[in-house]
C-alpha cells in the first residue's frame, strides 16, 4: 500500500480507496451530491480504465503493461480495453451500464447505436439487451 493513499473531500465526506469517512452529522440534503458522485464514478470507471489502457498501449506498446501492474486481473484489463475499443465514445450512453455496452460490443457501430437506443426506449437491463443481441446475431446468420 502506498504511503499516501489518495483521498478526496466533498464537504464533510472524505473519499478514500476503500471507505468514506463522514465528519460530524451532515444534514440529509448534504448526502445526495456525494452519493450521486460515488455512483457516477462506479458507472464511469470501466470506461476510464478501458480508454486509459487503450491509449497507453497505443503510445507505449507492451511496455504499458507494467503500468497496470497487479491492480487488475489480466482478464479484466483485457475486457475493459476490448469494450472501450469496440464501442466508441459517441455510441456510449451514460444512462446505460457498462455491461449493456459490453453486450453490443461485437456489433457494428450502427447496430450498437440502434440496440442501445432501443434498450433506453424499452427500459432493458443488460441481461435483456444481451438476449436481444443474441437473437439479432442469430437472425442475421439465418
C-alpha atoms as a PDB file:
ATOM      1  CA  UNK A   1       0.000   0.000   0.000  1.00  0.00           C
ATOM      2  CA  UNK A   2       1.369   3.436  -0.869  1.00  0.00           C
ATOM      3  CA  UNK A   3       2.473   5.678   1.975  1.00  0.00           C
ATOM      4  CA  UNK A   4      -0.054   8.311   0.911  1.00  0.00           C
ATOM      5  CA  UNK A   5      -3.372   6.779  -0.090  1.00  0.00           C
ATOM      6  CA  UNK A   6      -5.340   9.045  -2.385  1.00  0.00           C
ATOM      7  CA  UNK A   7      -8.290  10.851  -0.886  1.00  0.00           C
ATOM      8  CA  UNK A   8     -10.814  13.418  -1.971  1.00  0.00           C
ATOM      9  CA  UNK A   9     -13.077  15.604   0.124  1.00  0.00           C
ATOM     10  CA  UNK A  10     -16.613  16.663  -0.731  1.00  0.00           C
ATOM     11  CA  UNK A  11     -17.629  18.775   2.218  1.00  0.00           C
ATOM     12  CA  UNK A  12     -17.688  16.560   5.304  1.00  0.00           C
ATOM     13  CA  UNK A  13     -17.306  13.409   3.178  1.00  0.00           C
ATOM     14  CA  UNK A  14     -13.745  12.109   2.743  1.00  0.00           C
ATOM     15  CA  UNK A  15     -13.464   9.520  -0.035  1.00  0.00           C
ATOM     16  CA  UNK A  16     -10.618   7.019   0.335  1.00  0.00           C
ATOM     17  CA  UNK A  17      -9.759   3.889  -1.671  1.00  0.00           C
ATOM     18  CA  UNK A  18     -11.804   1.508   0.493  1.00  0.00           C
ATOM     19  CA  UNK A  19     -14.104   3.713   2.561  1.00  0.00           C
ATOM     20  CA  UNK A  20     -15.763   7.067   3.075  1.00  0.00           C
ATOM     21  CA  UNK A  21     -15.295   8.916   6.341  1.00  0.00           C
ATOM     22  CA  UNK A  22     -18.083  11.274   7.371  1.00  0.00           C
ATOM     23  CA  UNK A  23     -17.218  14.130   9.722  1.00  0.00           C
ATOM     24  CA  UNK A  24     -19.946  15.269  12.057  1.00  0.00           C
ATOM     25  CA  UNK A  25     -23.606  14.751  11.246  1.00  0.00           C
ATOM     26  CA  UNK A  26     -24.305  16.271   7.818  1.00  0.00           C
ATOM     27  CA  UNK A  27     -27.874  17.267   7.022  1.00  0.00           C
ATOM     28  CA  UNK A  28     -29.902  14.781   4.984  1.00  0.00           C
ATOM     29  CA  UNK A  29     -29.733  17.049   1.887  1.00  0.00           C
ATOM     30  CA  UNK A  30     -25.920  17.042   2.063  1.00  0.00           C
ATOM     31  CA  UNK A  31     -25.755  13.309   1.307  1.00  0.00           C
ATOM     32  CA  UNK A  32     -27.253  13.439  -2.197  1.00  0.00           C
ATOM     33  CA  UNK A  33     -24.286  15.006  -4.023  1.00  0.00           C
ATOM     34  CA  UNK A  34     -21.591  12.692  -2.612  1.00  0.00           C
ATOM     35  CA  UNK A  35     -23.769   9.614  -3.113  1.00  0.00           C
ATOM     36  CA  UNK A  36     -24.526  10.547  -6.731  1.00  0.00           C
ATOM     37  CA  UNK A  37     -20.823  11.261  -7.274  1.00  0.00           C
ATOM     38  CA  UNK A  38     -19.880   7.781  -5.979  1.00  0.00           C
ATOM     39  CA  UNK A  39     -22.465   6.118  -8.223  1.00  0.00           C
ATOM     40  CA  UNK A  40     -21.291   8.172 -11.203  1.00  0.00           C
ATOM     41  CA  UNK A  41     -17.680   7.128 -10.575  1.00  0.00           C
ATOM     42  CA  UNK A  42     -18.674   3.483 -10.321  1.00  0.00           C
ATOM     43  CA  UNK A  43     -20.521   3.635 -13.642  1.00  0.00           C
ATOM     44  CA  UNK A  44     -17.830   5.656 -15.424  1.00  0.00           C
ATOM     45  CA  UNK A  45     -14.716   3.874 -14.165  1.00  0.00           C
ATOM     46  CA  UNK A  46     -14.798   0.883 -16.576  1.00  0.00           C
ATOM     47  CA  UNK A  47     -14.772   3.370 -19.468  1.00  0.00           C
ATOM     48  CA  UNK A  48     -11.965   5.394 -17.906  1.00  0.00           C
ATOM     49  CA  UNK A  49      -9.895   2.257 -17.332  1.00  0.00           C
ATOM     50  CA  UNK A  50     -10.514   0.916 -20.851  1.00  0.00           C
ATOM     51  CA  UNK A  51      -9.768   4.230 -22.549  1.00  0.00           C
ATOM     52  CA  UNK A  52      -6.584   4.732 -20.494  1.00  0.00           C
ATOM     53  CA  UNK A  53      -5.346   1.220 -21.258  1.00  0.00           C
ATOM     54  CA  UNK A  54      -6.038   1.577 -24.989  1.00  0.00           C
ATOM     55  CA  UNK A  55      -4.376   4.975 -25.269  1.00  0.00           C
ATOM     56  CA  UNK A  56      -1.419   3.885 -23.135  1.00  0.00           C
ATOM     57  CA  UNK A  57      -0.915   0.805 -25.304  1.00  0.00           C
ATOM     58  CA  UNK A  58      -1.181   2.967 -28.445  1.00  0.00           C
ATOM     59  CA  UNK A  59       1.554   5.245 -27.131  1.00  0.00           C
ATOM     60  CA  UNK A  60       3.871   2.788 -25.369  1.00  0.00           C
ATOM     61  CA  UNK A  61       3.059  -0.693 -26.697  1.00  0.00           C
ATOM     62  CA  UNK A  62       3.724  -3.701 -24.499  1.00  0.00           C
ATOM     63  CA  UNK A  63       5.731  -1.583 -22.052  1.00  0.00           C
ATOM     64  CA  UNK A  64       2.464  -0.082 -20.887  1.00  0.00           C
ATOM     65  CA  UNK A  65       1.507  -3.382 -19.239  1.00  0.00           C
ATOM     66  CA  UNK A  66       3.957  -2.562 -16.454  1.00  0.00           C
ATOM     67  CA  UNK A  67       1.866   0.473 -15.504  1.00  0.00           C
ATOM     68  CA  UNK A  68      -1.175  -1.724 -14.902  1.00  0.00           C
ATOM     69  CA  UNK A  69       0.885  -3.918 -12.608  1.00  0.00           C
ATOM     70  CA  UNK A  70      -1.213  -6.207 -10.486  1.00  0.00           C
ATOM     71  CA  UNK A  71      -4.022  -3.752  -9.786  1.00  0.00           C
ATOM     72  CA  UNK A  72      -6.472  -5.622 -12.032  1.00  0.00           C
ATOM     73  CA  UNK A  73      -6.608  -9.157 -13.317  1.00  0.00           C
ATOM     74  CA  UNK A  74      -5.347  -9.643 -16.865  1.00  0.00           C
ATOM     75  CA  UNK A  75      -8.872 -10.756 -17.786  1.00  0.00           C
ATOM     76  CA  UNK A  76     -10.476  -7.516 -16.535  1.00  0.00           C
ATOM     77  CA  UNK A  77      -7.823  -5.348 -18.185  1.00  0.00           C
ATOM     78  CA  UNK A  78      -8.463  -7.142 -21.454  1.00  0.00           C
ATOM     79  CA  UNK A  79     -12.251  -6.877 -21.093  1.00  0.00           C
ATOM     80  CA  UNK A  80     -12.281  -3.156 -20.222  1.00  0.00           C
ATOM     81  CA  UNK A  81      -9.901  -2.391 -23.081  1.00  0.00           C
ATOM     82  CA  UNK A  82     -11.833  -4.517 -25.576  1.00  0.00           C
ATOM     83  CA  UNK A  83     -15.229  -2.963 -24.868  1.00  0.00           C
ATOM     84  CA  UNK A  84     -13.790   0.563 -24.814  1.00  0.00           C
ATOM     85  CA  UNK A  85     -12.025  -0.091 -28.132  1.00  0.00           C
ATOM     86  CA  UNK A  86     -15.087  -1.578 -29.850  1.00  0.00           C
ATOM     87  CA  UNK A  87     -17.748   0.829 -28.513  1.00  0.00           C
ATOM     88  CA  UNK A  88     -16.662   4.350 -29.489  1.00  0.00           C
ATOM     89  CA  UNK A  89     -17.424   7.267 -27.164  1.00  0.00           C
ATOM     90  CA  UNK A  90     -20.139   8.603 -29.473  1.00  0.00           C
ATOM     91  CA  UNK A  91     -22.067   5.322 -29.048  1.00  0.00           C
ATOM     92  CA  UNK A  92     -21.860   5.265 -25.249  1.00  0.00           C
ATOM     93  CA  UNK A  93     -24.923   6.185 -23.198  1.00  0.00           C
ATOM     94  CA  UNK A  94     -24.392   7.278 -19.587  1.00  0.00           C
ATOM     95  CA  UNK A  95     -27.924   6.087 -18.798  1.00  0.00           C
ATOM     96  CA  UNK A  96     -26.909   2.502 -19.569  1.00  0.00           C
ATOM     97  CA  UNK A  97     -24.485   0.311 -17.657  1.00  0.00           C
ATOM     98  CA  UNK A  98     -21.075  -0.670 -18.926  1.00  0.00           C
ATOM     99  CA  UNK A  99     -22.403  -4.258 -19.087  1.00  0.00           C
ATOM    100  CA  UNK A 100     -25.115  -3.132 -21.507  1.00  0.00           C
ATOM    101  CA  UNK A 101     -22.431  -1.715 -23.760  1.00  0.00           C
ATOM    102  CA  UNK A 102     -20.386  -4.899 -23.442  1.00  0.00           C
ATOM    103  CA  UNK A 103     -23.451  -6.774 -24.726  1.00  0.00           C
ATOM    104  CA  UNK A 104     -23.406  -4.813 -28.008  1.00  0.00           C
ATOM    105  CA  UNK A 105     -19.624  -4.539 -28.429  1.00  0.00           C
ATOM    106  CA  UNK A 106     -19.448  -7.238 -31.106  1.00  0.00           C
ATOM    107  CA  UNK A 107     -21.972  -5.445 -33.335  1.00  0.00           C
ATOM    108  CA  UNK A 108     -21.183  -2.852 -35.987  1.00  0.00           C
ATOM    109  CA  UNK A 109     -21.215   0.727 -34.726  1.00  0.00           C
ATOM    110  CA  UNK A 110     -24.528   1.377 -36.473  1.00  0.00           C
ATOM    111  CA  UNK A 111     -26.150  -1.661 -34.875  1.00  0.00           C
ATOM    112  CA  UNK A 112     -24.680  -0.697 -31.493  1.00  0.00           C
ATOM    113  CA  UNK A 113     -26.401   2.691 -31.717  1.00  0.00           C
ATOM    114  CA  UNK A 114     -29.720   1.109 -32.684  1.00  0.00           C
ATOM    115  CA  UNK A 115     -29.660  -1.547 -29.964  1.00  0.00           C
ATOM    116  CA  UNK A 116     -28.561   0.874 -27.242  1.00  0.00           C
ATOM    117  CA  UNK A 117     -31.267   3.376 -28.245  1.00  0.00           C
ATOM    118  CA  UNK A 118     -33.850   0.594 -28.151  1.00  0.00           C
ATOM    119  CA  UNK A 119     -32.599  -0.510 -24.720  1.00  0.00           C
ATOM    120  CA  UNK A 120     -33.155   3.014 -23.405  1.00  0.00           C
ATOM    121  CA  UNK A 121     -36.572   3.284 -25.050  1.00  0.00           C
ATOM    122  CA  UNK A 122     -37.728  -0.144 -23.812  1.00  0.00           C
ATOM    123  CA  UNK A 123     -36.097   0.035 -20.378  1.00  0.00           C
ATOM    124  CA  UNK A 124     -33.993  -3.104 -20.911  1.00  0.00           C
ATOM    125  CA  UNK A 125     -31.321  -4.064 -18.419  1.00  0.00           C
ATOM    126  CA  UNK A 126     -28.005  -5.560 -19.577  1.00  0.00           C
ATOM    127  CA  UNK A 127     -29.354  -9.138 -19.450  1.00  0.00           C
ATOM    128  CA  UNK A 128     -32.346  -8.165 -21.605  1.00  0.00           C
ATOM    129  CA  UNK A 129     -30.062  -6.423 -24.061  1.00  0.00           C
ATOM    130  CA  UNK A 130     -27.687  -9.386 -24.243  1.00  0.00           C
ATOM    131  CA  UNK A 131     -30.634 -11.668 -25.108  1.00  0.00           C
ATOM    132  CA  UNK A 132     -31.767  -9.237 -27.827  1.00  0.00           C
ATOM    133  CA  UNK A 133     -28.236  -9.041 -29.253  1.00  0.00           C
ATOM    134  CA  UNK A 134     -28.004 -12.841 -29.364  1.00  0.00           C
ATOM    135  CA  UNK A 135     -31.377 -13.014 -31.141  1.00  0.00           C
ATOM    136  CA  UNK A 136     -30.228 -10.341 -33.596  1.00  0.00           C
ATOM    137  CA  UNK A 137     -26.943 -12.123 -34.348  1.00  0.00           C
ATOM    138  CA  UNK A 138     -28.723 -15.454 -34.768  1.00  0.00           C
ATOM    139  CA  UNK A 139     -31.314 -13.972 -37.153  1.00  0.00           C
ATOM    140  CA  UNK A 140     -28.562 -12.257 -39.159  1.00  0.00           C
ATOM    141  CA  UNK A 141     -26.863 -15.640 -39.684  1.00  0.00           C
ATOM    142  CA  UNK A 142     -30.083 -17.326 -40.882  1.00  0.00           C
END
